[in-house]
Amino acid sequence: MKKLTAKQQRFVDEYLVDLNASAAARRAGYSAKTAGQIGERLLKKVEVQHALAEAMKARCERTHITQDRVLRELARIAFFDIRKLYNADGTLKRPDLLDDEAAAGLAGVDVVEQMTYSADGDGELTATPMLTKKAKVFDKTAALTLAMRHLGMLNDKLEISKKPRVRVVDQTGRKLRAKGD
């Protein structure tokens, strides 16, 4: 297999950033005018495809991020039960008391401290802190949509064939004349 040129290797490295061939070609130093065609052409080259596959495999091993792991995390968000965030008395559980499933669905917690001032019988002001806690969870609908798209349950891609499936038939008995006759 042929070795990649320095520019082609740079394209491979840049392609991994956002998986956008045109942008990767521009960042790799190819002309901005022709980056789209060059990116498309490079993706068709066997040696570039091989280098991309190897680079993606190395990245998965390095980061320990695999498709299975991403799908498991997506499923934890999609099927998260909000009741796991609360104690029996309706108060929010402390983060260290959440199980892994509940923690996976939790996007964040906002804590606002407000001071309430009151005067006692002697005219002394007493400050009483009051904490307001708000749990933010990930969007279940978005997670379910991504999972459905992965499983092929959503068909949101419009496919346009290059050749129309229309057959023109002359039923008049005359031959079609070319323009300009």
Foldseek 3Di string as FASTA:
>chain_A
DDDDDQLLVQLLVQCVVPVDQLVSNVVSPHDNVCSVVVSVVSCPDPNSVVVNVVVVVVVCVVVVDDPVVVLVLLVLQLPQDQVQQADPVGHGDDPVPGDPSNNSFWPDKDKDKDWDWDADPVRDIDTDIDIDIDTDTDDNVVSVVVVCVVVVVDDPDDDDDPDDPDDDDDPVPDDDDDPPD
